[in-house]
PDB file of N, CA and C in Angstrom:
ATOM      1  N   MET A   1     104.350 110.166  91.065  1.00  0.00           N
ATOM      2  CA  MET A   1     103.202 109.959  91.925  1.00  0.00           C
ATOM      3  C   MET A   1     103.713 109.756  93.346  1.00  0.00           C
ATOM      4  N   ALA A   2     103.214 110.522  94.227  1.00  0.00           N
ATOM      5  CA  ALA A   2     103.593 110.393  95.634  1.00  0.00           C
ATOM      6  C   ALA A   2     102.755 109.307  96.286  1.00  0.00           C
ATOM      7  N   THR A   3     103.423 108.461  97.053  1.00  0.00           N
ATOM      8  CA  THR A   3     102.764 107.362  97.754  1.00  0.00           C
ATOM      9  C   THR A   3     103.389 107.249  99.134  1.00  0.00           C
ATOM     10  N   SER A   4     102.584 106.885 100.096  1.00  0.00           N
ATOM     11  CA  SER A   4     103.148 106.678 101.432  1.00  0.00           C
ATOM     12  C   SER A   4     102.845 105.256 101.882  1.00  0.00           C
ATOM     13  N   ILE A   5     103.755 104.718 102.679  1.00  0.00           N
ATOM     14  CA  ILE A   5     103.573 103.376 103.234  1.00  0.00           C
ATOM     15  C   ILE A   5     103.990 103.395 104.696  1.00  0.00           C
ATOM     16  N   ARG A   6     103.442 102.449 105.439  1.00  0.00           N
ATOM     17  CA  ARG A   6     103.846 102.271 106.836  1.00  0.00           C
ATOM     18  C   ARG A   6     104.742 101.047 106.888  1.00  0.00           C
ATOM     19  N   LEU A   7     105.866 101.212 107.541  1.00  0.00           N
ATOM     20  CA  LEU A   7     106.795 100.096 107.715  1.00  0.00           C
ATOM     21  C   LEU A   7     106.820  99.684 109.169  1.00  0.00           C
ATOM     22  N   ASP A   8     107.026  98.383 109.398  1.00  0.00           N
ATOM     23  CA  ASP A   8     107.184  97.965 110.787  1.00  0.00           C
ATOM     24  C   ASP A   8     108.520  98.519 111.282  1.00  0.00           C
ATOM     25  N   PRO A   9     108.667  98.694 112.583  1.00  0.00           N
ATOM     26  CA  PRO A   9     109.873  99.331 113.127  1.00  0.00           C
ATOM     27  C   PRO A   9     111.190  98.654 112.736  1.00  0.00           C
ATOM     28  N   VAL A  10     111.208  97.341 112.666  1.00  0.00           N
ATOM     29  CA  VAL A  10     112.439  96.638 112.306  1.00  0.00           C
ATOM     30  C   VAL A  10     112.823  96.951 110.854  1.00  0.00           C
ATOM     31  N   THR A  11     111.855  96.924 109.966  1.00  0.00           N
ATOM     32  CA  THR A  11     112.127  97.233 108.564  1.00  0.00           C
ATOM     33  C   THR A  11     112.588  98.679 108.413  1.00  0.00           C
ATOM     34  N   GLU A  12     111.935  99.575 109.104  1.00  0.00           N
ATOM     35  CA  GLU A  12     112.333 100.977 109.028  1.00  0.00           C
ATOM     36  C   GLU A  12     113.747 101.180 109.565  1.00  0.00           C
ATOM     37  N   GLN A  13     114.080 100.484 110.633  1.00  0.00           N
ATOM     38  CA  GLN A  13     115.426 100.577 111.202  1.00  0.00           C
ATOM     39  C   GLN A  13     116.463 100.066 110.201  1.00  0.00           C
ATOM     40  N   ARG A  14     116.174  98.970 109.537  1.00  0.00           N
ATOM     41  CA  ARG A  14     117.086  98.438 108.522  1.00  0.00           C
ATOM     42  C   ARG A  14     117.259  99.423 107.374  1.00  0.00           C
ATOM     43  N   LEU A  15     116.148 100.023 106.944  1.00  0.00           N
ATOM     44  CA  LEU A  15     116.206 101.009 105.871  1.00  0.00           C
ATOM     45  C   LEU A  15     117.016 102.232 106.298  1.00  0.00           C
ATOM     46  N   ASN A  16     116.804 102.692 107.521  1.00  0.00           N
ATOM     47  CA  ASN A  16     117.570 103.827 108.038  1.00  0.00           C
ATOM     48  C   ASN A  16     119.062 103.510 108.081  1.00  0.00           C
ATOM     49  N   HIS A  17     119.405 102.306 108.518  1.00  0.00           N
ATOM     50  CA  HIS A  17     120.807 101.904 108.574  1.00  0.00           C
ATOM     51  C   HIS A  17     121.420 101.917 107.170  1.00  0.00           C
ATOM     52  N   LEU A  18     120.690 101.394 106.204  1.00  0.00           N
ATOM     53  CA  LEU A  18     121.171 101.348 104.829  1.00  0.00           C
ATOM     54  C   LEU A  18     121.393 102.757 104.275  1.00  0.00           C
ATOM     55  N   THR A  19     120.447 103.652 104.538  1.00  0.00           N
ATOM     56  CA  THR A  19     120.594 105.022 104.027  1.00  0.00           C
ATOM     57  C   THR A  19     121.780 105.732 104.677  1.00  0.00           C
ATOM     58  N   THR A  20     121.969 105.511 105.957  1.00  0.00           N
ATOM     59  CA  THR A  20     123.091 106.127 106.661  1.00  0.00           C
ATOM     60  C   THR A  20     124.424 105.579 106.144  1.00  0.00           C
ATOM     61  N   ALA A  21     124.474 104.292 105.948  1.00  0.00           N
ATOM     62  CA  ALA A  21     125.723 103.653 105.523  1.00  0.00           C
ATOM     63  C   ALA A  21     126.102 104.000 104.088  1.00  0.00           C
ATOM     64  N   THR A  22     125.111 104.279 103.243  1.00  0.00           N
ATOM     65  CA  THR A  22     125.397 104.486 101.819  1.00  0.00           C
ATOM     66  C   THR A  22     125.255 105.927 101.360  1.00  0.00           C
ATOM     67  N   GLY A  23     124.580 106.748 102.159  1.00  0.00           N
ATOM     68  CA  GLY A  23     124.362 108.134 101.764  1.00  0.00           C
ATOM     69  C   GLY A  23     123.244 108.314 100.754  1.00  0.00           C
ATOM     70  N   ARG A  24     122.499 107.282 100.480  1.00  0.00           N
ATOM     71  CA  ARG A  24     121.351 107.384  99.564  1.00  0.00           C
ATOM     72  C   ARG A  24     120.083 107.622 100.380  1.00  0.00           C
ATOM     73  N   THR A  25     119.019 108.016  99.687  1.00  0.00           N
ATOM     74  CA  THR A  25     117.775 108.346 100.378  1.00  0.00           C
ATOM     75  C   THR A  25     116.881 107.120 100.530  1.00  0.00           C
ATOM     76  N   LYS A  26     115.938 107.226 101.449  1.00  0.00           N
ATOM     77  CA  LYS A  26     114.926 106.169 101.592  1.00  0.00           C
ATOM     78  C   LYS A  26     114.158 106.020 100.287  1.00  0.00           C
ATOM     79  N   ALA A  27     113.826 107.149  99.678  1.00  0.00           N
ATOM     80  CA  ALA A  27     113.072 107.121  98.423  1.00  0.00           C
ATOM     81  C   ALA A  27     113.811 106.315  97.357  1.00  0.00           C
ATOM     82  N   PHE A  28     115.128 106.472  97.301  1.00  0.00           N
ATOM     83  CA  PHE A  28     115.915 105.718  96.321  1.00  0.00           C
ATOM     84  C   PHE A  28     115.713 104.222  96.523  1.00  0.00           C
ATOM     85  N   TYR A  29     115.873 103.768  97.758  1.00  0.00           N
ATOM     86  CA  TYR A  29     115.780 102.329  98.020  1.00  0.00           C
ATOM     87  C   TYR A  29     114.353 101.802  97.874  1.00  0.00           C
ATOM     88  N   LEU A  30     113.382 102.568  98.271  1.00  0.00           N
ATOM     89  CA  LEU A  30     111.994 102.131  98.102  1.00  0.00           C
ATOM     90  C   LEU A  30     111.632 102.045  96.617  1.00  0.00           C
ATOM     91  N   ARG A  31     112.106 103.004  95.828  1.00  0.00           N
ATOM     92  CA  ARG A  31     111.869 102.966  94.385  1.00  0.00           C
ATOM     93  C   ARG A  31     112.548 101.737  93.781  1.00  0.00           C
ATOM     94  N   GLU A  32     113.776 101.456  94.211  1.00  0.00           N
ATOM     95  CA  GLU A  32     114.490 100.269  93.741  1.00  0.00           C
ATOM     96  C   GLU A  32     113.710  98.991  94.064  1.00  0.00           C
ATOM     97  N   LEU A  33     113.218  98.907  95.290  1.00  0.00           N
ATOM     98  CA  LEU A  33     112.447  97.725  95.693  1.00  0.00           C
ATOM     99  C   LEU A  33     111.222  97.532  94.815  1.00  0.00           C
ATOM    100  N   VAL A  34     110.506  98.602  94.553  1.00  0.00           N
ATOM    101  CA  VAL A  34     109.300  98.509  93.734  1.00  0.00           C
ATOM    102  C   VAL A  34     109.665  98.109  92.309  1.00  0.00           C
ATOM    103  N   GLU A  35     110.646  98.784  91.735  1.00  0.00           N
ATOM    104  CA  GLU A  35     111.004  98.498  90.347  1.00  0.00           C
ATOM    105  C   GLU A  35     111.548  97.088  90.167  1.00  0.00           C
ATOM    106  N   ARG A  36     112.376  96.638  91.096  1.00  0.00           N
ATOM    107  CA  ARG A  36     112.955  95.297  90.976  1.00  0.00           C
ATOM    108  C   ARG A  36     111.983  94.202  91.379  1.00  0.00           C
ATOM    109  N   GLY A  37     111.094  94.511  92.305  1.00  0.00           N
ATOM    110  CA  GLY A  37     110.184  93.493  92.810  1.00  0.00           C
ATOM    111  C   GLY A  37     108.863  93.393  92.085  1.00  0.00           C
ATOM    112  N   LEU A  38     108.520  94.407  91.314  1.00  0.00           N
ATOM    113  CA  LEU A  38     107.215  94.421  90.659  1.00  0.00           C
ATOM    114  C   LEU A  38     107.059  93.263  89.685  1.00  0.00           C
ATOM    115  N   GLU A  39     108.092  92.946  88.926  1.00  0.00           N
ATOM    116  CA  GLU A  39     108.001  91.845  87.970  1.00  0.00           C
ATOM    117  C   GLU A  39     107.718  90.520  88.681  1.00  0.00           C
ATOM    118  N   ASP A  40     108.385  90.287  89.802  1.00  0.00           N
ATOM    119  CA  ASP A  40     108.125  89.058  90.567  1.00  0.00           C
ATOM    120  C   ASP A  40     106.699  89.028  91.090  1.00  0.00           C
ATOM    121  N   LEU A  41     106.211  90.159  91.584  1.00  0.00           N
ATOM    122  CA  LEU A  41     104.836  90.221  92.079  1.00  0.00           C
ATOM    123  C   LEU A  41     103.833  89.984  90.953  1.00  0.00           C
ATOM    124  N   GLU A  42     104.092  90.574  89.795  1.00  0.00           N
ATOM    125  CA  GLU A  42     103.211  90.351  88.641  1.00  0.00           C
ATOM    126  C   GLU A  42     103.190  88.879  88.272  1.00  0.00           C
ATOM    127  N   ASP A  43     104.374  88.275  88.177  1.00  0.00           N
ATOM    128  CA  ASP A  43     104.443  86.850  87.834  1.00  0.00           C
ATOM    129  C   ASP A  43     103.637  86.007  88.812  1.00  0.00           C
ATOM    130  N   TYR A  44     103.841  86.228  90.089  1.00  0.00           N
ATOM    131  CA  TYR A  44     103.176  85.425  91.111  1.00  0.00           C
ATOM    132  C   TYR A  44     101.662  85.612  91.091  1.00  0.00           C
ATOM    133  N   TYR A  45     101.215  86.860  91.183  1.00  0.00           N
ATOM    134  CA  TYR A  45      99.781  87.106  91.321  1.00  0.00           C
ATOM    135  C   TYR A  45      99.005  86.862  90.031  1.00  0.00           C
ATOM    136  N   LEU A  46      99.603  87.133  88.875  1.00  0.00           N
ATOM    137  CA  LEU A  46      98.915  86.830  87.625  1.00  0.00           C
ATOM    138  C   LEU A  46      98.839  85.325  87.407  1.00  0.00           C
ATOM    139  N   ALA A  47      99.891  84.594  87.788  1.00  0.00           N
ATOM    140  CA  ALA A  47      99.844  83.131  87.693  1.00  0.00           C
ATOM    141  C   ALA A  47      98.806  82.562  88.653  1.00  0.00           C
ATOM    142  N   GLU A  48      98.753  83.107  89.849  1.00  0.00           N
ATOM    143  CA  GLU A  48      97.757  82.660  90.823  1.00  0.00           C
ATOM    144  C   GLU A  48      96.345  82.901  90.292  1.00  0.00           C
ATOM    145  N   ASN A  49      96.140  84.045  89.672  1.00  0.00           N
ATOM    146  CA  ASN A  49      94.834  84.374  89.090  1.00  0.00           C
ATOM    147  C   ASN A  49      94.477  83.397  87.971  1.00  0.00           C
ATOM    148  N   THR A  50      95.448  83.061  87.132  1.00  0.00           N
ATOM    149  CA  THR A  50      95.209  82.106  86.050  1.00  0.00           C
ATOM    150  C   THR A  50      94.871  80.734  86.624  1.00  0.00           C
ATOM    151  N   MET A  51      95.580  80.320  87.665  1.00  0.00           N
ATOM    152  CA  MET A  51      95.289  79.017  88.274  1.00  0.00           C
ATOM    153  C   MET A  51      93.880  78.975  88.857  1.00  0.00           C
ATOM    154  N   GLN A  52      93.417  80.066  89.413  1.00  0.00           N
ATOM    155  CA  GLN A  52      92.041  80.113  89.911  1.00  0.00           C
ATOM    156  C   GLN A  52      91.068  79.912  88.760  1.00  0.00           C
ATOM    157  N   ARG A  53      91.331  80.557  87.629  1.00  0.00           N
ATOM    158  CA  ARG A  53      90.452  80.394  86.467  1.00  0.00           C
ATOM    159  C   ARG A  53      90.504  78.968  85.939  1.00  0.00           C
ATOM    160  N   VAL A  54      91.678  78.334  85.985  1.00  0.00           N
ATOM    161  CA  VAL A  54      91.799  76.940  85.551  1.00  0.00           C
ATOM    162  C   VAL A  54      90.956  76.049  86.455  1.00  0.00           C
ATOM    163  N   ARG A  55      91.074  76.236  87.767  1.00  0.00           N
ATOM    164  CA  ARG A  55      90.308  75.414  88.716  1.00  0.00           C
ATOM    165  C   ARG A  55      88.800  75.587  88.557  1.00  0.00           C
ATOM    166  N   GLN A  56      88.392  76.763  88.101  1.00  0.00           N
ATOM    167  CA  GLN A  56      86.967  77.049  87.909  1.00  0.00           C
ATOM    168  C   GLN A  56      86.514  76.762  86.483  1.00  0.00           C
ATOM    169  N   SER A  57      87.378  76.088  85.717  1.00  0.00           N
ATOM    170  CA  SER A  57      87.101  75.744  84.317  1.00  0.00           C
ATOM    171  C   SER A  57      86.797  76.971  83.466  1.00  0.00           C
ATOM    172  N   GLN A  58      87.433  78.070  83.777  1.00  0.00           N
ATOM    173  CA  GLN A  58      87.270  79.292  82.998  1.00  0.00           C
ATOM    174  C   GLN A  58      88.472  79.539  82.079  1.00  0.00           C
ATOM    175  N   GLU A  59      89.436  78.657  82.140  1.00  0.00           N
ATOM    176  CA  GLU A  59      90.666  78.804  81.359  1.00  0.00           C
ATOM    177  C   GLU A  59      90.924  77.487  80.645  1.00  0.00           C
ATOM    178  N   ARG A  60      91.194  77.537  79.358  1.00  0.00           N
ATOM    179  CA  ARG A  60      91.446  76.344  78.558  1.00  0.00           C
ATOM    180  C   ARG A  60      92.844  75.821  78.849  1.00  0.00           C
ATOM    181  N   ILE A  61      92.960  74.496  78.975  1.00  0.00           N
ATOM    182  CA  ILE A  61      94.246  73.830  79.175  1.00  0.00           C
ATOM    183  C   ILE A  61      94.538  73.029  77.916  1.00  0.00           C
ATOM    184  N   TYR A  62      95.773  73.123  77.448  1.00  0.00           N
ATOM    185  CA  TYR A  62      96.182  72.423  76.235  1.00  0.00           C
ATOM    186  C   TYR A  62      97.178  71.325  76.585  1.00  0.00           C
ATOM    187  N   SER A  63      97.036  70.173  75.917  1.00  0.00           N
ATOM    188  CA  SER A  63      97.999  69.096  76.100  1.00  0.00           C
ATOM    189  C   SER A  63      99.238  69.406  75.267  1.00  0.00           C
ATOM    190  N   LEU A  64     100.324  68.709  75.562  1.00  0.00           N
ATOM    191  CA  LEU A  64     101.543  68.880  74.782  1.00  0.00           C
ATOM    192  C   LEU A  64     101.298  68.538  73.319  1.00  0.00           C
ATOM    193  N   ASP A  65     100.529  67.477  73.074  1.00  0.00           N
ATOM    194  CA  ASP A  65     100.218  67.093  71.691  1.00  0.00           C
ATOM    195  C   ASP A  65      99.490  68.219  70.963  1.00  0.00           C
ATOM    196  N   GLU A  66      98.525  68.837  71.626  1.00  0.00           N
ATOM    197  CA  GLU A  66      97.784  69.934  71.007  1.00  0.00           C
ATOM    198  C   GLU A  66      98.698  71.120  70.684  1.00  0.00           C
ATOM    199  N   VAL A  67      99.579  71.442  71.590  1.00  0.00           N
ATOM    200  CA  VAL A  67     100.501  72.566  71.381  1.00  0.00           C
ATOM    201  C   VAL A  67     101.453  72.262  70.225  1.00  0.00           C
ATOM    202  N   GLU A  68     101.980  71.044  70.202  1.00  0.00           N
ATOM    203  CA  GLU A  68     102.892  70.668  69.117  1.00  0.00           C
ATOM    204  C   GLU A  68     102.195  70.725  67.765  1.00  0.00           C
ATOM    205  N   ARG A  69     100.947  70.240  67.694  1.00  0.00           N
ATOM    206  CA  ARG A  69     100.181  70.294  66.433  1.00  0.00           C
ATOM    207  C   ARG A  69      99.926  71.740  66.016  1.00  0.00           C
ATOM    208  N   GLU A  70      99.516  72.549  66.977  1.00  0.00           N
ATOM    209  CA  GLU A  70      99.216  73.963  66.684  1.00  0.00           C
ATOM    210  C   GLU A  70     100.444  74.707  66.185  1.00  0.00           C
ATOM    211  N   LEU A  71     101.615  74.368  66.705  1.00  0.00           N
ATOM    212  CA  LEU A  71     102.852  75.050  66.312  1.00  0.00           C
ATOM    213  C   LEU A  71     103.549  74.375  65.148  1.00  0.00           C
ATOM    214  N   GLY A  72     102.943  73.300  64.634  1.00  0.00           N
ATOM    215  CA  GLY A  72     103.544  72.592  63.511  1.00  0.00           C
ATOM    216  C   GLY A  72     104.772  71.784  63.899  1.00  0.00           C
ATOM    217  N   LEU A  73     104.836  71.367  65.140  1.00  0.00           N
ATOM    218  CA  LEU A  73     105.973  70.613  65.643  1.00  0.00           C
ATOM    219  C   LEU A  73     105.688  69.113  65.754  1.00  0.00           C
ATOM    220  N   ALA A  74     104.468  68.712  65.464  1.00  0.00           N
ATOM    221  CA  ALA A  74     104.090  67.304  65.606  1.00  0.00           C
ATOM    222  C   ALA A  74     104.803  66.479  64.536  1.00  0.00           C
ATOM    223  N   ASP A  75     105.145  65.240  64.900  1.00  0.00           N
ATOM    224  CA  ASP A  75     105.820  64.340  63.945  1.00  0.00           C
ATOM    225  C   ASP A  75     104.895  63.929  62.854  1.00  0.00           C
TER     226      ASP A  75
END
């Protein structure tokens, strides 16, 4: 899938320097950034979304005692 993005001049200059120094393409490094960074973005934004649901009482919260009982770990 082809995608285009606009970079600020400083970021683009850094990317250009990296490509020149290593002989790799911009596409290579942008793909690397997306693949390596996507998991962190998912973690952050999905957790943020869950916290919003918790604050709005749309998400159930379990106590440690409840979790231990449910998993058969209670004494």
